[in-house]
N, C-alpha and C. Protein backbone atom coordinates (compact mmCIF):
# COMPACT_ATOMS: atom_id res chain seq x y z
N MET A 1 15.90 13.55 -10.90
CA MET A 1 14.24 14.40 -11.41
C MET A 1 12.71 12.79 -11.00
N ALA A 2 12.55 13.87 -9.72
CA ALA A 2 11.64 13.43 -9.10
C ALA A 2 9.92 13.58 -9.71
N ASN A 3 9.07 12.29 -9.94
CA ASN A 3 7.96 12.10 -10.32
C ASN A 3 6.57 11.82 -9.09
N SER A 4 6.02 12.72 -9.35
CA SER A 4 4.90 11.67 -7.91
C SER A 4 4.03 10.47 -8.63
N TYR A 5 3.69 9.92 -7.22
CA TYR A 5 2.77 8.94 -7.17
C TYR A 5 1.77 7.97 -6.25
N GLU A 6 1.43 7.99 -6.75
CA GLU A 6 -0.19 7.02 -6.01
C GLU A 6 0.22 6.35 -5.34
N THR A 7 -0.67 5.29 -4.56
CA THR A 7 -0.59 3.98 -4.82
C THR A 7 -1.38 3.83 -3.13
N MET A 8 -2.28 2.78 -3.92
CA MET A 8 -3.66 2.06 -3.12
C MET A 8 -2.93 1.67 -2.60
N LEU A 9 -3.05 1.56 -1.51
CA LEU A 9 -2.74 -0.47 -1.41
C LEU A 9 -4.18 -1.56 -0.09
N VAL A 10 -4.09 -2.22 -0.01
CA VAL A 10 -5.73 -2.65 0.97
C VAL A 10 -5.26 -4.17 0.80
N PHE A 11 -4.90 -4.32 2.40
CA PHE A 11 -4.29 -4.93 3.20
C PHE A 11 -5.39 -5.96 4.37
N SER A 12 -5.05 -7.33 4.12
CA SER A 12 -6.25 -8.76 4.66
C SER A 12 -5.68 -8.58 6.63
N VAL A 13 -7.80 -8.20 6.55
CA VAL A 13 -7.44 -7.83 8.31
C VAL A 13 -7.69 -9.30 8.98
N ALA A 14 -7.75 -10.44 8.02
CA ALA A 14 -8.12 -12.03 8.58
C ALA A 14 -6.79 -12.81 9.57
N ASN A 15 -5.60 -11.32 9.70
CA ASN A 15 -4.26 -11.67 10.90
C ASN A 15 -5.14 -10.93 11.47
N GLY A 16 -5.62 -9.38 12.00
CA GLY A 16 -5.65 -8.93 12.59
C GLY A 16 -5.35 -7.83 12.26
N ASP A 17 -5.13 -6.74 13.87
CA ASP A 17 -5.49 -5.40 13.49
C ASP A 17 -3.49 -4.31 13.51
N GLU A 18 -3.20 -6.05 14.98
CA GLU A 18 -1.73 -6.11 14.79
C GLU A 18 -0.36 -6.20 13.56
N ASN A 19 -0.87 -6.51 13.15
CA ASN A 19 -0.17 -7.31 10.95
C ASN A 19 -0.25 -6.24 10.64
N VAL A 20 -1.70 -5.25 10.62
CA VAL A 20 -2.19 -4.47 9.57
C VAL A 20 -1.58 -3.53 9.78
N ALA A 21 -1.36 -3.02 11.17
CA ALA A 21 -0.38 -1.98 11.60
C ALA A 21 0.47 -1.91 11.22
N ALA A 22 1.49 -3.58 11.65
CA ALA A 22 3.18 -3.56 10.69
C ALA A 22 2.52 -3.25 9.38
N LEU A 23 1.89 -4.10 8.89
CA LEU A 23 2.17 -3.65 7.50
C LEU A 23 2.18 -2.27 6.79
N VAL A 24 1.20 -1.24 7.61
CA VAL A 24 1.07 -0.11 7.51
C VAL A 24 2.20 0.90 7.31
N GLU A 25 3.17 0.23 8.65
CA GLU A 25 4.05 1.37 9.06
C GLU A 25 5.58 0.99 8.08
N LYS A 26 5.27 -1.02 7.80
CA LYS A 26 6.59 -1.28 6.95
C LYS A 26 6.20 -0.32 5.45
N PHE A 27 4.97 0.14 5.63
CA PHE A 27 5.03 0.53 3.88
C PHE A 27 5.26 1.88 3.76
N LYS A 28 5.35 2.78 4.64
CA LYS A 28 5.24 3.92 4.42
C LYS A 28 7.17 4.02 4.93
N ALA A 29 7.37 3.35 6.04
CA ALA A 29 8.79 3.55 6.03
C ALA A 29 9.83 2.70 4.90
N LEU A 30 9.34 1.81 4.09
CA LEU A 30 9.86 1.65 2.43
C LEU A 30 9.51 2.57 1.52
N ILE A 31 8.81 3.85 1.37
CA ILE A 31 8.09 4.91 0.60
C ILE A 31 8.84 5.93 0.93
N GLU A 32 9.11 6.22 2.41
CA GLU A 32 10.28 7.50 2.89
C GLU A 32 11.25 7.41 3.27
N ALA A 33 11.89 5.54 2.80
CA ALA A 33 13.59 5.60 2.44
C ALA A 33 13.37 6.02 1.19
N ASN A 34 12.80 5.57 0.46
CA ASN A 34 13.10 5.96 -1.52
C ASN A 34 12.41 7.40 -2.08
N GLY A 35 11.73 7.60 -0.96
CA GLY A 35 11.50 9.33 -1.41
C GLY A 35 10.72 10.89 -0.78
N THR A 36 9.55 10.41 -1.62
CA THR A 36 9.42 11.87 0.13
C THR A 36 7.66 11.48 -0.05
N ILE A 37 6.97 11.38 1.11
CA ILE A 37 5.66 11.46 1.36
C ILE A 37 5.59 12.67 1.50
N GLU A 38 4.33 13.34 0.64
CA GLU A 38 2.75 14.07 0.10
C GLU A 38 2.27 13.71 1.28
N SER A 39 2.04 13.11 1.12
CA SER A 39 0.26 12.66 1.97
C SER A 39 -0.16 10.83 2.78
N VAL A 40 -0.85 10.70 3.22
CA VAL A 40 -0.68 9.25 3.85
C VAL A 40 -2.03 9.47 4.37
N ASP A 41 -3.41 8.68 3.62
CA ASP A 41 -4.83 8.46 3.65
C ASP A 41 -5.68 7.17 4.37
N GLU A 42 -5.18 6.91 5.28
CA GLU A 42 -5.64 5.30 5.55
C GLU A 42 -7.12 5.84 5.83
N TRP A 43 -7.90 4.66 4.97
CA TRP A 43 -9.00 4.72 5.20
C TRP A 43 -9.99 3.76 6.29
N GLY A 44 -9.08 3.52 6.26
CA GLY A 44 -9.72 2.05 6.97
C GLY A 44 -10.24 0.33 6.43
N LYS A 45 -10.88 -0.21 8.34
CA LYS A 45 -11.81 -1.39 7.44
C LYS A 45 -12.84 -1.23 6.35
N ARG A 46 -12.88 -1.29 5.63
CA ARG A 46 -13.26 -1.23 4.12
C ARG A 46 -14.46 -2.85 3.48
N LYS A 47 -15.68 -2.84 3.20
CA LYS A 47 -16.34 -3.93 2.32
C LYS A 47 -15.60 -4.15 1.43
N LEU A 48 -15.02 -5.39 0.29
CA LEU A 48 -14.72 -5.58 -0.70
C LEU A 48 -15.28 -4.68 -1.52
N ALA A 49 -15.25 -4.74 -2.72
CA ALA A 49 -16.74 -5.24 -4.08
C ALA A 49 -17.00 -6.24 -3.94
N TYR A 50 -16.38 -7.41 -3.98
CA TYR A 50 -15.64 -8.42 -4.67
C TYR A 50 -15.25 -9.54 -3.45
N PRO A 51 -15.63 -10.97 -3.00
CA PRO A 51 -15.03 -10.90 -2.53
C PRO A 51 -12.96 -11.60 -3.00
N ILE A 52 -12.20 -11.17 -2.47
CA ILE A 52 -10.96 -11.84 -2.85
C ILE A 52 -10.38 -12.54 -1.93
N ASN A 53 -10.18 -14.01 -2.32
CA ASN A 53 -9.11 -15.02 -1.79
C ASN A 53 -9.92 -15.32 -0.92
N TYR A 54 -11.51 -15.00 -0.88
CA TYR A 54 -12.63 -15.95 0.73
C TYR A 54 -12.69 -14.21 1.46
N GLU A 55 -11.89 -13.15 1.00
CA GLU A 55 -11.83 -12.81 1.89
C GLU A 55 -13.23 -11.26 1.23
N THR A 56 -14.00 -10.74 2.67
CA THR A 56 -14.87 -9.48 2.18
C THR A 56 -14.75 -8.57 2.81
N GLU A 57 -13.23 -8.37 3.53
CA GLU A 57 -13.10 -6.89 4.33
C GLU A 57 -12.09 -6.73 3.94
N GLY A 58 -11.98 -5.33 3.61
CA GLY A 58 -10.17 -5.05 3.62
C GLY A 58 -9.09 -3.47 4.23
N TYR A 59 -8.30 -3.58 4.78
CA TYR A 59 -7.61 -2.17 4.80
C TYR A 59 -7.23 -1.42 3.97
N TYR A 60 -7.97 -0.33 3.31
CA TYR A 60 -7.17 0.63 2.75
C TYR A 60 -6.34 0.94 2.93
N MET A 61 -6.09 1.91 2.05
CA MET A 61 -4.35 2.71 2.63
C MET A 61 -4.54 3.95 0.98
N LEU A 62 -3.76 4.64 1.22
CA LEU A 62 -4.05 5.72 -0.21
C LEU A 62 -2.71 6.61 0.52
N VAL A 63 -1.84 6.70 -0.20
CA VAL A 63 -0.34 6.89 -0.09
C VAL A 63 0.06 7.82 -1.93
N ASN A 64 0.41 9.21 -1.32
CA ASN A 64 0.98 10.25 -2.31
C ASN A 64 1.99 10.09 -2.11
N PHE A 65 2.71 9.92 -3.34
CA PHE A 65 4.87 10.38 -3.39
C PHE A 65 5.21 10.79 -3.73
N SER A 66 6.30 11.13 -3.92
CA SER A 66 6.90 11.87 -4.63
C SER A 66 9.46 10.90 -4.69
N CYS A 67 9.19 10.32 -6.61
CA CYS A 67 10.21 9.38 -6.14
C CYS A 67 11.23 9.62 -6.42
N GLU A 68 12.15 8.65 -7.49
CA GLU A 68 12.36 8.66 -8.36
C GLU A 68 11.90 7.53 -9.00
N PRO A 69 12.17 7.79 -10.71
CA PRO A 69 11.17 6.76 -11.15
C PRO A 69 12.06 4.93 -11.43
N GLU A 70 12.59 4.65 -10.91
CA GLU A 70 13.31 3.49 -10.25
C GLU A 70 12.37 2.60 -9.51
N PHE A 71 12.40 3.02 -8.87
CA PHE A 71 11.10 2.60 -7.21
C PHE A 71 10.08 2.40 -7.12
N PRO A 72 8.77 3.02 -8.23
CA PRO A 72 8.00 2.42 -8.28
C PRO A 72 7.83 0.45 -8.60
N ALA A 73 8.84 0.28 -9.01
CA ALA A 73 9.25 -0.90 -9.41
C ALA A 73 9.57 -2.02 -8.17
N GLU A 74 9.91 -1.44 -7.22
CA GLU A 74 10.93 -1.90 -6.31
C GLU A 74 9.81 -2.45 -5.94
N LEU A 75 9.27 -0.82 -6.11
CA LEU A 75 7.76 -1.24 -4.46
C LEU A 75 6.68 -1.97 -4.88
N ASP A 76 6.34 -1.82 -6.48
CA ASP A 76 6.30 -3.55 -6.96
C ASP A 76 6.14 -4.41 -6.13
N ARG A 77 7.15 -5.12 -6.95
CA ARG A 77 8.23 -6.29 -6.77
C ARG A 77 7.80 -6.23 -5.19
N ILE A 78 8.50 -5.66 -4.06
CA ILE A 78 7.85 -5.97 -2.40
C ILE A 78 6.79 -6.12 -2.20
N VAL A 79 5.30 -5.55 -2.69
CA VAL A 79 4.40 -5.58 -2.54
C VAL A 79 3.49 -6.96 -3.04
N LYS A 80 4.24 -7.45 -4.14
CA LYS A 80 3.82 -9.02 -3.96
C LYS A 80 4.87 -9.91 -3.85
N ILE A 81 6.09 -9.69 -3.32
CA ILE A 81 6.39 -10.93 -2.23
C ILE A 81 6.03 -10.58 -0.71
N THR A 82 4.67 -9.61 -0.69
CA THR A 82 4.36 -9.62 1.12
C THR A 82 3.16 -10.35 1.06
N GLU A 83 3.34 -10.86 2.88
CA GLU A 83 2.10 -11.78 3.17
C GLU A 83 1.42 -10.46 3.65
N GLY A 84 -0.57 -10.85 3.02
CA GLY A 84 -1.33 -9.33 3.49
C GLY A 84 -1.79 -8.79 3.03
N VAL A 85 -0.64 -8.68 1.91
CA VAL A 85 -1.48 -7.36 0.76
C VAL A 85 -2.59 -8.44 -0.26
N ILE A 86 -3.19 -7.68 -0.02
CA ILE A 86 -4.76 -8.23 -1.92
C ILE A 86 -4.76 -7.15 -2.58
N ARG A 87 -4.49 -5.75 -2.62
CA ARG A 87 -4.11 -5.60 -3.58
C ARG A 87 -3.85 -4.57 -3.85
N SER A 88 -3.20 -3.84 -4.69
CA SER A 88 -2.48 -2.95 -4.83
C SER A 88 -2.42 -2.51 -6.41
N LEU A 89 -2.12 -0.42 -6.15
CA LEU A 89 -2.20 -0.23 -8.10
C LEU A 89 -1.00 1.60 -7.23
N THR A 90 -0.53 1.05 -8.01
CA THR A 90 0.56 2.58 -8.19
C THR A 90 0.57 3.20 -9.38
N VAL A 91 0.23 4.52 -9.33
CA VAL A 91 -0.48 5.24 -10.56
C VAL A 91 0.90 6.52 -10.71
N LYS A 92 0.90 7.02 -11.93
CA LYS A 92 2.01 8.56 -11.89
C LYS A 92 1.35 9.70 -12.23
N LYS A 93 0.79 10.35 -11.13
CA LYS A 93 0.31 11.68 -11.24
C LYS A 93 1.19 12.25 -12.20
């Protein structure tokens, strides 16, 4: 039984646009391989509310998807070990 989830990812822009594009594609492919993407909303580069690791800007991406209940924990694990991800949040809809 698939559940609906929403994930917000904030990527570091310090390493350049190519790195951000690679991270966007990596997470789209990862979610697509383990579930069904309903929508991807790329907000682009925005100013952070407060500095995180001395960075003041981040690239925001919002993904709505359906998957099995085990996948969000695996997604969170991969996000935590991926270089270039500033913040993330996954919620069940």
